Amino acid sequence: MSIDQLKAFLARMQDDPGLRQSVVAAATADDVAQIALALGYEFSGDELLRLSGQKVGRVTVTKQDMPGEYN
């Protein structure tokens, strides 16, 4: 069910420039999940990362490697 929530969030994001800007500015996938949760969409950062490289509607999910990021 959370993948459906994620896809619904991405669909909303493609039509909302302010939301898109917030998502692009987010530092981590978990930050994006928190933005989504505040809007009523529930999914995890890990679920978002699993869609990396895939296109959902007009949105392509891309994992950004941050310099100095350690896992």
PDB file of N, CA and C in Angstrom:
ATOM      1  N   MET A   1       0.811  -1.187   0.000  1.00  0.00           N
ATOM      2  CA  MET A   1       0.000   0.000   0.000  1.00  0.00           C
ATOM      3  C   MET A   1       0.860   1.258   0.000  1.00  0.00           C
ATOM      4  N   SER A   2       1.996   1.251   0.669  1.00  0.00           N
ATOM      5  CA  SER A   2       2.800   2.461   0.729  1.00  0.00           C
ATOM      6  C   SER A   2       3.406   2.813  -0.633  1.00  0.00           C
ATOM      7  N   ILE A   3       3.607   1.833  -1.506  1.00  0.00           N
ATOM      8  CA  ILE A   3       4.085   2.137  -2.860  1.00  0.00           C
ATOM      9  C   ILE A   3       3.004   2.928  -3.597  1.00  0.00           C
ATOM     10  N   ASP A   4       1.742   2.585  -3.373  1.00  0.00           N
ATOM     11  CA  ASP A   4       0.645   3.352  -3.962  1.00  0.00           C
ATOM     12  C   ASP A   4       0.649   4.785  -3.435  1.00  0.00           C
ATOM     13  N   GLN A   5       0.917   4.937  -2.133  1.00  0.00           N
ATOM     14  CA  GLN A   5       1.008   6.265  -1.529  1.00  0.00           C
ATOM     15  C   GLN A   5       2.162   7.059  -2.149  1.00  0.00           C
ATOM     16  N   LEU A   6       3.280   6.386  -2.345  1.00  0.00           N
ATOM     17  CA  LEU A   6       4.455   7.020  -2.952  1.00  0.00           C
ATOM     18  C   LEU A   6       4.143   7.481  -4.368  1.00  0.00           C
ATOM     19  N   LYS A   7       3.507   6.638  -5.138  1.00  0.00           N
ATOM     20  CA  LYS A   7       3.162   7.004  -6.522  1.00  0.00           C
ATOM     21  C   LYS A   7       2.162   8.151  -6.557  1.00  0.00           C
ATOM     22  N   ALA A   8       1.223   8.162  -5.622  1.00  0.00           N
ATOM     23  CA  ALA A   8       0.259   9.264  -5.549  1.00  0.00           C
ATOM     24  C   ALA A   8       0.965  10.567  -5.186  1.00  0.00           C
ATOM     25  N   PHE A   9       1.931  10.492  -4.279  1.00  0.00           N
ATOM     26  CA  PHE A   9       2.706  11.682  -3.900  1.00  0.00           C
ATOM     27  C   PHE A   9       3.498  12.206  -5.100  1.00  0.00           C
ATOM     28  N   LEU A  10       4.140  11.319  -5.845  1.00  0.00           N
ATOM     29  CA  LEU A  10       4.909  11.737  -7.015  1.00  0.00           C
ATOM     30  C   LEU A  10       4.003  12.367  -8.071  1.00  0.00           C
ATOM     31  N   ALA A  11       2.801  11.835  -8.216  1.00  0.00           N
ATOM     32  CA  ALA A  11       1.839  12.421  -9.159  1.00  0.00           C
ATOM     33  C   ALA A  11       1.465  13.834  -8.720  1.00  0.00           C
ATOM     34  N   ARG A  12       1.256  14.026  -7.429  1.00  0.00           N
ATOM     35  CA  ARG A  12       0.946  15.368  -6.924  1.00  0.00           C
ATOM     36  C   ARG A  12       2.129  16.310  -7.124  1.00  0.00           C
ATOM     37  N   MET A  13       3.328  15.788  -6.873  1.00  0.00           N
ATOM     38  CA  MET A  13       4.535  16.608  -6.979  1.00  0.00           C
ATOM     39  C   MET A  13       4.744  17.131  -8.400  1.00  0.00           C
ATOM     40  N   GLN A  14       4.401  16.342  -9.406  1.00  0.00           N
ATOM     41  CA  GLN A  14       4.642  16.755 -10.788  1.00  0.00           C
ATOM     42  C   GLN A  14       3.800  17.972 -11.179  1.00  0.00           C
ATOM     43  N   ASP A  15       2.707  18.209 -10.479  1.00  0.00           N
ATOM     44  CA  ASP A  15       1.838  19.331 -10.792  1.00  0.00           C
ATOM     45  C   ASP A  15       1.924  20.479  -9.784  1.00  0.00           C
ATOM     46  N   ASP A  16       2.830  20.371  -8.815  1.00  0.00           N
ATOM     47  CA  ASP A  16       2.954  21.387  -7.770  1.00  0.00           C
ATOM     48  C   ASP A  16       4.401  21.881  -7.705  1.00  0.00           C
ATOM     49  N   PRO A  17       4.709  23.016  -8.343  1.00  0.00           N
ATOM     50  CA  PRO A  17       6.093  23.501  -8.384  1.00  0.00           C
ATOM     51  C   PRO A  17       6.701  23.752  -7.003  1.00  0.00           C
ATOM     52  N   GLY A  18       5.926  24.240  -6.056  1.00  0.00           N
ATOM     53  CA  GLY A  18       6.441  24.483  -4.712  1.00  0.00           C
ATOM     54  C   GLY A  18       6.827  23.192  -4.014  1.00  0.00           C
ATOM     55  N   LEU A  19       5.993  22.187  -4.163  1.00  0.00           N
ATOM     56  CA  LEU A  19       6.287  20.878  -3.577  1.00  0.00           C
ATOM     57  C   LEU A  19       7.512  20.272  -4.244  1.00  0.00           C
ATOM     58  N   ARG A  20       7.582  20.380  -5.549  1.00  0.00           N
ATOM     59  CA  ARG A  20       8.737  19.845  -6.289  1.00  0.00           C
ATOM     60  C   ARG A  20      10.028  20.502  -5.798  1.00  0.00           C
ATOM     61  N   GLN A  21       9.999  21.815  -5.570  1.00  0.00           N
ATOM     62  CA  GLN A  21      11.179  22.526  -5.085  1.00  0.00           C
ATOM     63  C   GLN A  21      11.578  22.033  -3.691  1.00  0.00           C
ATOM     64  N   SER A  22      10.603  21.799  -2.826  1.00  0.00           N
ATOM     65  CA  SER A  22      10.886  21.284  -1.481  1.00  0.00           C
ATOM     66  C   SER A  22      11.529  19.907  -1.546  1.00  0.00           C
ATOM     67  N   VAL A  23      11.021  19.070  -2.431  1.00  0.00           N
ATOM     68  CA  VAL A  23      11.556  17.712  -2.567  1.00  0.00           C
ATOM     69  C   VAL A  23      12.976  17.753  -3.114  1.00  0.00           C
ATOM     70  N   VAL A  24      13.212  18.568  -4.118  1.00  0.00           N
ATOM     71  CA  VAL A  24      14.551  18.669  -4.711  1.00  0.00           C
ATOM     72  C   VAL A  24      15.557  19.193  -3.678  1.00  0.00           C
ATOM     73  N   ALA A  25      15.112  20.082  -2.794  1.00  0.00           N
ATOM     74  CA  ALA A  25      15.991  20.656  -1.776  1.00  0.00           C
ATOM     75  C   ALA A  25      16.230  19.718  -0.591  1.00  0.00           C
ATOM     76  N   ALA A  26      15.432  18.658  -0.470  1.00  0.00           N
ATOM     77  CA  ALA A  26      15.573  17.730   0.657  1.00  0.00           C
ATOM     78  C   ALA A  26      16.922  17.021   0.588  1.00  0.00           C
ATOM     79  N   ALA A  27      17.524  16.807   1.752  1.00  0.00           N
ATOM     80  CA  ALA A  27      18.851  16.210   1.809  1.00  0.00           C
ATOM     81  C   ALA A  27      18.830  14.689   1.673  1.00  0.00           C
ATOM     82  N   THR A  28      17.780  14.043   2.158  1.00  0.00           N
ATOM     83  CA  THR A  28      17.735  12.582   2.143  1.00  0.00           C
ATOM     84  C   THR A  28      16.360  12.088   1.703  1.00  0.00           C
ATOM     85  N   ALA A  29      16.301  10.812   1.366  1.00  0.00           N
ATOM     86  CA  ALA A  29      15.026  10.188   1.018  1.00  0.00           C
ATOM     87  C   ALA A  29      14.080  10.207   2.215  1.00  0.00           C
ATOM     88  N   ASP A  30      14.625  10.075   3.419  1.00  0.00           N
ATOM     89  CA  ASP A  30      13.787  10.138   4.619  1.00  0.00           C
ATOM     90  C   ASP A  30      13.190  11.536   4.787  1.00  0.00           C
ATOM     91  N   ASP A  31      13.939  12.575   4.392  1.00  0.00           N
ATOM     92  CA  ASP A  31      13.398  13.933   4.440  1.00  0.00           C
ATOM     93  C   ASP A  31      12.219  14.074   3.480  1.00  0.00           C
ATOM     94  N   VAL A  32      12.338  13.474   2.308  1.00  0.00           N
ATOM     95  CA  VAL A  32      11.236  13.501   1.339  1.00  0.00           C
ATOM     96  C   VAL A  32      10.026  12.775   1.921  1.00  0.00           C
ATOM     97  N   ALA A  33      10.263  11.638   2.576  1.00  0.00           N
ATOM     98  CA  ALA A  33       9.166  10.889   3.192  1.00  0.00           C
ATOM     99  C   ALA A  33       8.481  11.726   4.270  1.00  0.00           C
ATOM    100  N   GLN A  34       9.232  12.536   5.011  1.00  0.00           N
ATOM    101  CA  GLN A  34       8.647  13.400   6.038  1.00  0.00           C
ATOM    102  C   GLN A  34       7.800  14.516   5.413  1.00  0.00           C
ATOM    103  N   ILE A  35       8.276  15.078   4.294  1.00  0.00           N
ATOM    104  CA  ILE A  35       7.489  16.085   3.566  1.00  0.00           C
ATOM    105  C   ILE A  35       6.164  15.464   3.132  1.00  0.00           C
ATOM    106  N   ALA A  36       6.243  14.260   2.595  1.00  0.00           N
ATOM    107  CA  ALA A  36       5.048  13.564   2.125  1.00  0.00           C
ATOM    108  C   ALA A  36       4.099  13.261   3.286  1.00  0.00           C
ATOM    109  N   LEU A  37       4.650  12.826   4.409  1.00  0.00           N
ATOM    110  CA  LEU A  37       3.826  12.488   5.571  1.00  0.00           C
ATOM    111  C   LEU A  37       3.026  13.710   6.039  1.00  0.00           C
ATOM    112  N   ALA A  38       3.646  14.876   6.000  1.00  0.00           N
ATOM    113  CA  ALA A  38       2.951  16.100   6.400  1.00  0.00           C
ATOM    114  C   ALA A  38       1.762  16.401   5.479  1.00  0.00           C
ATOM    115  N   LEU A  39       1.791  15.850   4.270  1.00  0.00           N
ATOM    116  CA  LEU A  39       0.699  16.049   3.312  1.00  0.00           C
ATOM    117  C   LEU A  39      -0.272  14.864   3.276  1.00  0.00           C
ATOM    118  N   GLY A  40      -0.027  13.869   4.153  1.00  0.00           N
ATOM    119  CA  GLY A  40      -0.944  12.737   4.245  1.00  0.00           C
ATOM    120  C   GLY A  40      -0.544  11.502   3.452  1.00  0.00           C
ATOM    121  N   TYR A  41       0.677  11.484   2.918  1.00  0.00           N
ATOM    122  CA  TYR A  41       1.171  10.326   2.174  1.00  0.00           C
ATOM    123  C   TYR A  41       2.165   9.584   3.055  1.00  0.00           C
ATOM    124  N   GLU A  42       2.010   8.269   3.160  1.00  0.00           N
ATOM    125  CA  GLU A  42       2.871   7.504   4.059  1.00  0.00           C
ATOM    126  C   GLU A  42       3.687   6.473   3.288  1.00  0.00           C
ATOM    127  N   PHE A  43       5.005   6.688   3.274  1.00  0.00           N
ATOM    128  CA  PHE A  43       5.963   5.740   2.717  1.00  0.00           C
ATOM    129  C   PHE A  43       7.311   6.029   3.357  1.00  0.00           C
ATOM    130  N   SER A  44       8.249   5.117   3.194  1.00  0.00           N
ATOM    131  CA  SER A  44       9.569   5.296   3.806  1.00  0.00           C
ATOM    132  C   SER A  44      10.588   5.789   2.777  1.00  0.00           C
ATOM    133  N   GLY A  45      11.673   6.314   3.292  1.00  0.00           N
ATOM    134  CA  GLY A  45      12.769   6.716   2.423  1.00  0.00           C
ATOM    135  C   GLY A  45      13.317   5.530   1.644  1.00  0.00           C
ATOM    136  N   ASP A  46      13.352   4.361   2.278  1.00  0.00           N
ATOM    137  CA  ASP A  46      13.830   3.151   1.602  1.00  0.00           C
ATOM    138  C   ASP A  46      12.943   2.801   0.410  1.00  0.00           C
ATOM    139  N   GLU A  47      11.641   2.956   0.575  1.00  0.00           N
ATOM    140  CA  GLU A  47      10.729   2.668  -0.538  1.00  0.00           C
ATOM    141  C   GLU A  47      10.959   3.648  -1.684  1.00  0.00           C
ATOM    142  N   LEU A  48      11.229   4.895  -1.351  1.00  0.00           N
ATOM    143  CA  LEU A  48      11.535   5.882  -2.379  1.00  0.00           C
ATOM    144  C   LEU A  48      12.818   5.499  -3.114  1.00  0.00           C
ATOM    145  N   LEU A  49      13.834   5.097  -2.368  1.00  0.00           N
ATOM    146  CA  LEU A  49      15.109   4.714  -2.991  1.00  0.00           C
ATOM    147  C   LEU A  49      14.954   3.499  -3.901  1.00  0.00           C
ATOM    148  N   ARG A  50      14.033   2.601  -3.573  1.00  0.00           N
ATOM    149  CA  ARG A  50      13.815   1.422  -4.422  1.00  0.00           C
ATOM    150  C   ARG A  50      13.277   1.801  -5.799  1.00  0.00           C
ATOM    151  N   LEU A  51      12.681   2.979  -5.914  1.00  0.00           N
ATOM    152  CA  LEU A  51      12.175   3.437  -7.213  1.00  0.00           C
ATOM    153  C   LEU A  51      13.229   4.209  -8.007  1.00  0.00           C
ATOM    154  N   SER A  52      14.433   4.328  -7.470  1.00  0.00           N
ATOM    155  CA  SER A  52      15.485   5.087  -8.151  1.00  0.00           C
ATOM    156  C   SER A  52      15.706   4.547  -9.558  1.00  0.00           C
ATOM    157  N   GLY A  53      15.735   5.470 -10.508  1.00  0.00           N
ATOM    158  CA  GLY A  53      15.926   5.106 -11.906  1.00  0.00           C
ATOM    159  C   GLY A  53      14.629   4.841 -12.646  1.00  0.00           C
ATOM    160  N   GLN A  54      13.515   4.818 -11.934  1.00  0.00           N
ATOM    161  CA  GLN A  54      12.225   4.555 -12.562  1.00  0.00           C
ATOM    162  C   GLN A  54      11.463   5.856 -12.784  1.00  0.00           C
ATOM    163  N   LYS A  55      10.618   5.834 -13.791  1.00  0.00           N
ATOM    164  CA  LYS A  55       9.780   6.986 -14.087  1.00  0.00           C
ATOM    165  C   LYS A  55       8.356   6.691 -13.633  1.00  0.00           C
ATOM    166  N   VAL A  56       7.790   7.636 -12.889  1.00  0.00           N
ATOM    167  CA  VAL A  56       6.411   7.531 -12.420  1.00  0.00           C
ATOM    168  C   VAL A  56       5.697   8.774 -12.940  1.00  0.00           C
ATOM    169  N   GLY A  57       4.832   8.600 -13.907  1.00  0.00           N
ATOM    170  CA  GLY A  57       4.207   9.755 -14.550  1.00  0.00           C
ATOM    171  C   GLY A  57       5.275  10.561 -15.268  1.00  0.00           C
ATOM    172  N   ARG A  58       5.347  11.850 -14.952  1.00  0.00           N
ATOM    173  CA  ARG A  58       6.376  12.701 -15.544  1.00  0.00           C
ATOM    174  C   ARG A  58       7.567  12.894 -14.620  1.00  0.00           C
ATOM    175  N   VAL A  59       7.630  12.139 -13.526  1.00  0.00           N
ATOM    176  CA  VAL A  59       8.705  12.264 -12.543  1.00  0.00           C
ATOM    177  C   VAL A  59       9.627  11.055 -12.652  1.00  0.00           C
ATOM    178  N   THR A  60      10.917  11.318 -12.771  1.00  0.00           N
ATOM    179  CA  THR A  60      11.912  10.252 -12.727  1.00  0.00           C
ATOM    180  C   THR A  60      12.593  10.310 -11.368  1.00  0.00           C
ATOM    181  N   VAL A  61      12.548   9.222 -10.637  1.00  0.00           N
ATOM    182  CA  VAL A  61      13.158   9.155  -9.310  1.00  0.00           C
ATOM    183  C   VAL A  61      14.656   8.908  -9.499  1.00  0.00           C
ATOM    184  N   THR A  62      15.456   9.810  -8.932  1.00  0.00           N
ATOM    185  CA  THR A  62      16.905   9.701  -9.075  1.00  0.00           C
ATOM    186  C   THR A  62      17.563   9.876  -7.716  1.00  0.00           C
ATOM    187  N   LYS A  63      18.373   8.903  -7.329  1.00  0.00           N
ATOM    188  CA  LYS A  63      19.119   8.996  -6.073  1.00  0.00           C
ATOM    189  C   LYS A  63      20.304   9.916  -6.310  1.00  0.00           C
ATOM    190  N   GLN A  64      20.463  10.891  -5.441  1.00  0.00           N
ATOM    191  CA  GLN A  64      21.582  11.821  -5.525  1.00  0.00           C
ATOM    192  C   GLN A  64      22.632  11.397  -4.510  1.00  0.00           C
ATOM    193  N   ASP A  65      23.853  11.198  -4.967  1.00  0.00           N
ATOM    194  CA  ASP A  65      24.943  10.900  -4.053  1.00  0.00           C
ATOM    195  C   ASP A  65      25.510  12.216  -3.543  1.00  0.00           C
ATOM    196  N   MET A  66      25.500  12.364  -2.249  1.00  0.00           N
ATOM    197  CA  MET A  66      25.980  13.587  -1.642  1.00  0.00           C
ATOM    198  C   MET A  66      27.443  13.400  -1.244  1.00  0.00           C
ATOM    199  N   PRO A  67      28.329  14.300  -1.629  1.00  0.00           N
ATOM    200  CA  PRO A  67      29.729  14.200  -1.206  1.00  0.00           C
ATOM    201  C   PRO A  67      29.817  14.242   0.311  1.00  0.00           C
ATOM    202  N   GLY A  68      30.631  13.365   0.863  1.00  0.00           N
ATOM    203  CA  GLY A  68      30.806  13.342   2.312  1.00  0.00           C
ATOM    204  C   GLY A  68      29.734  12.562   3.044  1.00  0.00           C
ATOM    205  N   GLU A  69      28.813  11.942   2.311  1.00  0.00           N
ATOM    206  CA  GLU A  69      27.755  11.158   2.947  1.00  0.00           C
ATOM    207  C   GLU A  69      28.293   9.758   3.244  1.00  0.00           C
ATOM    208  N   TYR A  70      28.091   9.312   4.445  1.00  0.00           N
ATOM    209  CA  TYR A  70      28.562   7.986   4.860  1.00  0.00           C
ATOM    210  C   TYR A  70      27.382   7.148   5.309  1.00  0.00           C
ATOM    211  N   ASN A  71      27.392   5.875   4.935  1.00  0.00           N
ATOM    212  CA  ASN A  71      26.329   4.962   5.349  1.00  0.00           C
ATOM    213  C   ASN A  71      26.853   3.967   6.336  1.00  0.00           C
TER     214      ASN A  71
END
